[in-house]
Amino acid sequence: MTSTELPVASHSASARNESPATAANPNRALWEKGDFTRLAATMREGGDEVIERLGVGPGMDVLDLGCGDGTTALPAARRGATVLGVDIASNLVAAGNARAAAAKLPNLRFQQGDASRLDEIGDGRFDLVVSMFGAMFAPRPLDTAREMVRVTRPGGRIMMGNWIPGDPTLIARVLQVCAAYAPPPPEGFVSPVTWGKEELVRERFGAAGIPQDRIQCERATYTFRHPGTPQSFLAIFRDYYGPTMNAFDAATRAGRRDELQAELARLFEAENRAAGQGTEIPATYLRVLVTR
């Protein structure tokens, strides 16, 4: 999500029973850090709204890429689609499969994989590829665009939700604040939020063979809903969300933890739109719709 991502030590792919592509992706350590399901719980209603707008229904084959524990995958499966969720983090894949089993959705399964190298998925398999704030974090954006196009059937659709750099709403501001406290990213790092720039989205899908008139971009709003206070919502980011955890780790080492906490607390309080109890914070993202 941000330039606070840090390089991680490499491990043997065979020892971990995983593909080399998955093992080589440095984002795995980031997203297996903490517990993203805590934050995903505040995103459920928004995920359902995304799937409803896409008109997902019976007979459709759907790939949810960078799926987390199923915020959009479960609503798609509940509407009758056959859904595969793919995520780089093994803990989120396990959580997604547990949610699918609890919901008694045999038409939904989750597996581990790298959005920029979907080796186990054949060409033209899906009617819809959806990725809400997921595939944007894969380390090789041109490969990611190519893979999304490759696994989509002719006439099918790709829908991405991507955070926008420099946007004044919550997530872009969180990323900006955290980046100021974190060490510089590794050499060759491509910021995930470049997927929030329309010109780069068009360039990447254009390189994957998509004509410009089949690429649509618009700004949309995703709302986080949390039953507690803005301070307790911030605590979820601080304690369970990998990128923010990294920023707090770096700030602690620099003796600036309280400074980071105070800056983010002011932001969360200012962005809260809930009229009564609880926290409701809208965040703007770039909605990308590609027709294969």
Protein backbone atom coordinates (compact mmCIF):
# COMPACT_ATOMS: atom_id res chain seq x y z
CA MET A 1 0.00 0.00 0.00
CA THR A 2 2.87 2.35 0.54
CA SER A 3 6.57 2.96 0.25
CA THR A 4 6.86 1.78 3.89
CA GLU A 5 7.25 -1.76 2.51
CA LEU A 6 10.60 -3.23 3.51
CA PRO A 7 12.79 -5.87 1.87
CA VAL A 8 12.42 -9.30 3.43
CA ALA A 9 14.74 -12.28 3.70
CA SER A 10 14.38 -14.93 1.02
CA HIS A 11 13.33 -18.48 1.91
CA SER A 12 13.40 -21.78 0.06
CA ALA A 13 10.26 -22.22 -2.03
CA SER A 14 10.44 -26.00 -1.88
CA ALA A 15 10.79 -25.98 1.89
CA ARG A 16 7.60 -23.94 2.15
CA ASN A 17 5.73 -26.02 -0.45
CA GLU A 18 4.99 -23.00 -2.63
CA SER A 19 5.77 -21.77 -6.12
CA PRO A 20 8.99 -19.79 -6.70
CA ALA A 21 6.88 -16.85 -7.90
CA THR A 22 4.97 -16.72 -4.63
CA ALA A 23 8.11 -17.14 -2.55
CA ALA A 24 9.95 -14.39 -4.45
CA ASN A 25 7.22 -11.79 -3.96
CA PRO A 26 8.42 -9.46 -1.16
CA ASN A 27 4.84 -8.45 -0.38
CA ARG A 28 4.14 -11.81 1.21
CA ALA A 29 5.90 -10.86 4.48
CA LEU A 30 4.10 -7.51 4.52
CA TRP A 31 0.60 -8.98 4.23
CA GLU A 32 1.26 -11.92 6.53
CA LYS A 33 2.34 -9.45 9.19
CA GLY A 34 -0.39 -8.62 11.68
CA ASP A 35 -3.95 -9.62 10.87
CA PHE A 36 -5.55 -7.86 7.90
CA THR A 37 -8.88 -9.57 8.66
CA ARG A 38 -9.35 -7.03 11.47
CA LEU A 39 -9.34 -4.19 8.96
CA ALA A 40 -11.30 -6.19 6.36
CA ALA A 41 -14.15 -6.44 8.88
CA THR A 42 -14.69 -2.69 8.46
CA MET A 43 -14.89 -3.07 4.65
CA ARG A 44 -17.63 -5.75 4.28
CA GLU A 45 -20.52 -3.48 3.34
CA GLY A 46 -18.40 -1.69 0.74
CA GLY A 47 -17.34 -5.01 -0.78
CA ASP A 48 -20.96 -6.07 -1.18
CA GLU A 49 -21.75 -2.76 -2.88
CA VAL A 50 -18.91 -3.29 -5.37
CA ILE A 51 -20.21 -6.74 -6.37
CA GLU A 52 -23.79 -5.52 -6.63
CA ARG A 53 -22.74 -2.74 -8.98
CA LEU A 54 -20.89 -5.22 -11.21
CA GLY A 55 -24.02 -7.29 -11.67
CA VAL A 56 -22.44 -10.56 -10.58
CA GLY A 57 -24.81 -13.52 -10.78
CA PRO A 58 -25.27 -17.26 -11.46
CA GLY A 59 -23.28 -18.76 -14.31
CA MET A 60 -20.37 -16.33 -14.00
CA ASP A 61 -16.77 -17.38 -13.35
CA VAL A 62 -15.08 -14.77 -11.17
CA LEU A 63 -11.47 -14.31 -10.08
CA ASP A 64 -10.90 -12.14 -7.01
CA LEU A 65 -7.24 -11.14 -7.18
CA GLY A 66 -5.54 -9.96 -3.99
CA CYS A 67 -8.72 -11.14 -2.30
CA GLY A 68 -7.74 -10.98 1.36
CA ASP A 69 -10.20 -13.08 3.34
CA GLY A 70 -13.03 -12.55 0.87
CA THR A 71 -14.55 -9.09 1.24
CA THR A 72 -15.67 -9.17 -2.40
CA ALA A 73 -15.31 -12.92 -3.04
CA LEU A 74 -18.02 -13.95 -0.57
CA PRO A 75 -20.66 -11.51 -1.91
CA ALA A 76 -19.91 -12.73 -5.45
CA ALA A 77 -20.34 -16.37 -4.42
CA ARG A 78 -23.52 -15.60 -2.51
CA ARG A 79 -24.95 -14.23 -5.75
CA GLY A 80 -24.35 -17.58 -7.45
CA ALA A 81 -21.04 -17.04 -9.26
CA THR A 82 -18.23 -19.60 -9.20
CA VAL A 83 -15.41 -17.72 -7.48
CA LEU A 84 -11.69 -18.26 -7.05
CA GLY A 85 -9.87 -16.01 -4.59
CA VAL A 86 -6.10 -15.61 -4.99
CA ASP A 87 -3.88 -13.86 -2.45
CA ILE A 88 -0.14 -13.73 -1.74
CA ALA A 89 -0.64 -14.22 2.03
CA SER A 90 -1.17 -17.77 3.27
CA ASN A 91 -2.93 -16.62 6.46
CA LEU A 92 -5.52 -14.69 4.44
CA VAL A 93 -6.09 -17.66 2.12
CA ALA A 94 -6.73 -19.85 5.18
CA ALA A 95 -9.09 -17.23 6.64
CA GLY A 96 -10.97 -16.99 3.33
CA ASN A 97 -11.43 -20.75 3.06
CA ALA A 98 -12.70 -20.80 6.64
CA ARG A 99 -15.22 -18.06 5.87
CA ALA A 100 -16.37 -19.91 2.73
CA ALA A 101 -16.87 -23.13 4.70
CA ALA A 102 -18.76 -21.35 7.47
CA ALA A 103 -21.02 -19.69 4.89
CA LYS A 104 -21.55 -23.07 3.14
CA LEU A 105 -20.38 -21.79 -0.23
CA PRO A 106 -19.01 -24.76 -2.21
CA ASN A 107 -18.74 -22.44 -5.25
CA LEU A 108 -15.96 -20.45 -3.56
CA ARG A 109 -12.37 -21.39 -2.84
CA PHE A 110 -9.15 -19.56 -2.06
CA GLN A 111 -5.57 -20.33 -3.06
CA GLN A 112 -2.20 -18.68 -2.66
CA GLY A 113 -0.69 -16.94 -5.67
CA ASP A 114 1.13 -13.92 -7.08
CA ALA A 115 -0.98 -11.49 -9.14
CA SER A 116 1.95 -10.82 -11.45
CA ARG A 117 2.47 -14.52 -12.23
CA LEU A 118 -0.70 -16.62 -12.25
CA ASP A 119 1.06 -19.77 -13.39
CA GLU A 120 -1.66 -22.18 -12.28
CA ILE A 121 -4.49 -20.40 -14.10
CA GLY A 122 -5.21 -21.06 -17.77
CA ASP A 123 -5.92 -18.48 -20.47
CA GLY A 124 -9.41 -16.97 -20.81
CA ARG A 125 -10.88 -18.69 -17.79
CA PHE A 126 -12.92 -15.90 -16.17
CA ASP A 127 -15.86 -13.70 -17.10
CA LEU A 128 -14.81 -11.18 -14.47
CA VAL A 129 -11.52 -10.42 -12.73
CA VAL A 130 -12.01 -8.12 -9.75
CA SER A 131 -9.31 -6.67 -7.52
CA MET A 132 -10.18 -4.16 -4.82
CA PHE A 133 -6.94 -2.70 -3.44
CA GLY A 134 -5.19 -6.02 -4.11
CA ALA A 135 -3.39 -6.48 -7.43
CA MET A 136 -2.13 -2.89 -7.16
CA PHE A 137 0.40 -4.15 -4.59
CA ALA A 138 1.98 -6.80 -6.83
CA PRO A 139 5.61 -5.80 -7.48
CA ARG A 140 5.58 -5.92 -11.31
CA PRO A 141 2.67 -3.82 -12.63
CA LEU A 142 3.15 -4.55 -16.35
CA ASP A 143 3.19 -8.29 -15.66
CA THR A 144 0.14 -7.90 -13.43
CA ALA A 145 -1.85 -6.15 -16.15
CA ARG A 146 -0.79 -8.80 -18.67
CA GLU A 147 -1.86 -11.62 -16.38
CA MET A 148 -5.26 -10.08 -15.64
CA VAL A 149 -5.89 -9.72 -19.36
CA ARG A 150 -4.63 -13.23 -20.11
CA VAL A 151 -6.97 -15.01 -17.68
CA THR A 152 -10.04 -13.00 -18.77
CA ARG A 153 -12.29 -14.36 -21.53
CA PRO A 154 -12.81 -12.30 -24.70
CA GLY A 155 -15.72 -10.02 -23.91
CA GLY A 156 -15.10 -10.39 -20.18
CA ARG A 157 -14.30 -7.59 -17.75
CA ILE A 158 -11.54 -6.56 -15.37
CA MET A 159 -12.41 -4.27 -12.50
CA MET A 160 -9.79 -2.72 -10.22
CA GLY A 161 -10.11 -0.44 -7.24
CA ASN A 162 -6.85 1.46 -6.65
CA TRP A 163 -5.87 4.05 -4.07
CA ILE A 164 -4.92 7.43 -5.53
CA PRO A 165 -1.61 9.13 -4.68
CA GLY A 166 -1.99 12.55 -3.12
CA ASP A 167 -5.75 12.24 -2.62
CA PRO A 168 -6.97 14.21 0.42
CA THR A 169 -9.10 11.35 1.83
CA LEU A 170 -8.14 8.75 4.43
CA ILE A 171 -6.02 6.06 2.80
CA ALA A 172 -3.85 8.33 0.67
CA ARG A 173 -3.25 10.50 3.72
CA VAL A 174 -2.36 7.49 5.88
CA LEU A 175 0.15 6.39 3.26
CA GLN A 176 1.64 9.86 3.03
CA VAL A 177 2.03 10.17 6.79
CA CYS A 178 3.50 6.68 7.21
CA ALA A 179 6.00 7.18 4.38
CA ALA A 180 7.45 10.17 6.24
CA TYR A 181 8.36 7.93 9.19
CA ALA A 182 9.61 4.89 7.28
CA PRO A 183 13.02 4.18 5.75
CA PRO A 184 13.36 4.60 1.98
CA PRO A 185 12.01 1.74 -0.17
CA PRO A 186 14.39 -0.77 -1.79
CA GLU A 187 15.98 0.00 -5.14
CA GLY A 188 13.64 -0.67 -8.06
CA PHE A 189 10.52 -0.35 -5.92
CA VAL A 190 7.41 0.74 -7.87
CA SER A 191 4.86 2.38 -5.60
CA PRO A 192 1.49 0.56 -5.56
CA VAL A 193 -0.36 3.86 -5.70
CA THR A 194 0.90 4.47 -9.24
CA TRP A 195 -2.11 2.26 -10.11
CA GLY A 196 -4.18 5.24 -8.97
CA LYS A 197 -2.92 7.34 -11.91
CA GLU A 198 -5.15 7.02 -14.96
CA GLU A 199 -2.34 7.59 -17.46
CA LEU A 200 -0.34 4.69 -16.01
CA VAL A 201 -3.40 2.43 -15.89
CA ARG A 202 -3.97 3.10 -19.59
CA GLU A 203 -0.31 2.55 -20.39
CA ARG A 204 -0.18 -0.80 -18.56
CA PHE A 205 -3.36 -2.26 -20.03
CA GLY A 206 -2.45 -0.83 -23.42
CA ALA A 207 0.84 -2.74 -23.26
CA ALA A 208 -1.23 -5.85 -22.50
CA GLY A 209 -3.14 -5.38 -25.76
CA ILE A 210 -6.26 -3.54 -24.61
CA PRO A 211 -7.46 -0.69 -26.88
CA GLN A 212 -7.83 2.65 -25.10
CA ASP A 213 -11.58 2.83 -25.75
CA ARG A 214 -12.02 -0.33 -23.66
CA ILE A 215 -10.42 1.22 -20.57
CA GLN A 216 -12.61 3.35 -18.31
CA CYS A 217 -11.44 5.20 -15.20
CA GLU A 218 -13.48 7.18 -12.69
CA ARG A 219 -13.21 8.27 -9.09
CA ALA A 220 -15.41 6.41 -6.62
CA THR A 221 -15.83 6.21 -2.85
CA TYR A 222 -15.24 3.29 -0.51
CA THR A 223 -16.52 3.68 3.04
CA PHE A 224 -14.95 2.10 6.11
CA ARG A 225 -17.44 1.37 8.91
CA HIS A 226 -16.29 0.58 12.44
CA PRO A 227 -18.53 0.30 15.54
CA GLY A 228 -15.99 1.94 17.85
CA THR A 229 -14.33 5.33 18.07
CA PRO A 230 -11.91 6.76 15.50
CA GLN A 231 -9.14 6.06 18.02
CA SER A 232 -10.03 2.36 18.18
CA PHE A 233 -10.25 2.26 14.39
CA LEU A 234 -6.74 3.72 14.21
CA ALA A 235 -5.61 1.02 16.64
CA ILE A 236 -6.59 -1.62 14.06
CA PHE A 237 -4.31 0.03 11.51
CA ARG A 238 -1.50 0.39 14.05
CA ASP A 239 -1.66 -3.13 15.49
CA TYR A 240 -2.82 -5.35 12.61
CA TYR A 241 -2.22 -3.70 9.21
CA GLY A 242 1.22 -4.47 7.75
CA PRO A 243 2.16 -1.14 6.15
CA THR A 244 1.12 0.90 9.19
CA MET A 245 2.79 -1.59 11.52
CA ASN A 246 6.03 -1.09 9.59
CA ALA A 247 5.74 2.67 9.96
CA PHE A 248 5.18 2.37 13.73
CA ASP A 249 8.15 0.00 14.01
CA ALA A 250 10.36 2.54 12.25
CA ALA A 251 8.96 5.44 14.28
CA THR A 252 9.61 3.54 17.53
CA ARG A 253 13.24 2.94 16.58
CA ALA A 254 13.60 6.66 15.82
CA GLY A 255 11.94 7.72 19.08
CA ARG A 256 8.96 9.19 17.16
CA ARG A 257 6.17 6.71 17.94
CA ASP A 258 4.07 9.21 19.93
CA GLU A 259 4.47 11.76 17.14
CA LEU A 260 3.16 9.31 14.53
CA GLN A 261 0.29 8.24 16.80
CA ALA A 262 -0.78 11.84 17.37
CA GLU A 263 -0.60 12.76 13.69
CA LEU A 264 -2.74 9.80 12.64
CA ALA A 265 -5.18 10.33 15.50
CA ARG A 266 -5.86 13.87 14.28
CA LEU A 267 -6.42 12.53 10.76
CA PHE A 268 -8.87 9.80 11.82
CA GLU A 269 -10.86 12.21 13.98
CA ALA A 270 -11.05 14.77 11.17
CA GLU A 271 -12.14 12.21 8.55
CA ASN A 272 -14.89 10.58 10.64
CA ARG A 273 -18.35 11.26 9.16
CA ALA A 274 -20.48 9.24 11.59
CA ALA A 275 -23.37 11.29 12.95
CA GLY A 276 -23.63 9.34 16.21
CA GLN A 277 -21.67 6.49 17.73
CA GLY A 278 -19.14 4.55 15.71
CA THR A 279 -16.80 5.57 12.93
CA GLU A 280 -17.59 6.01 9.25
CA ILE A 281 -14.80 7.24 7.00
CA PRO A 282 -15.07 7.54 3.20
CA ALA A 283 -11.98 7.15 1.02
CA THR A 284 -11.65 7.99 -2.65
CA TYR A 285 -10.21 5.44 -5.10
CA LEU A 286 -9.76 5.06 -8.86
CA ARG A 287 -12.32 2.63 -10.28
CA VAL A 288 -10.90 0.96 -13.38
CA LEU A 289 -13.10 -1.05 -15.73
CA VAL A 290 -11.49 -2.89 -18.66
CA THR A 291 -13.35 -4.83 -21.33
CA ARG A 292 -11.36 -7.70 -22.84
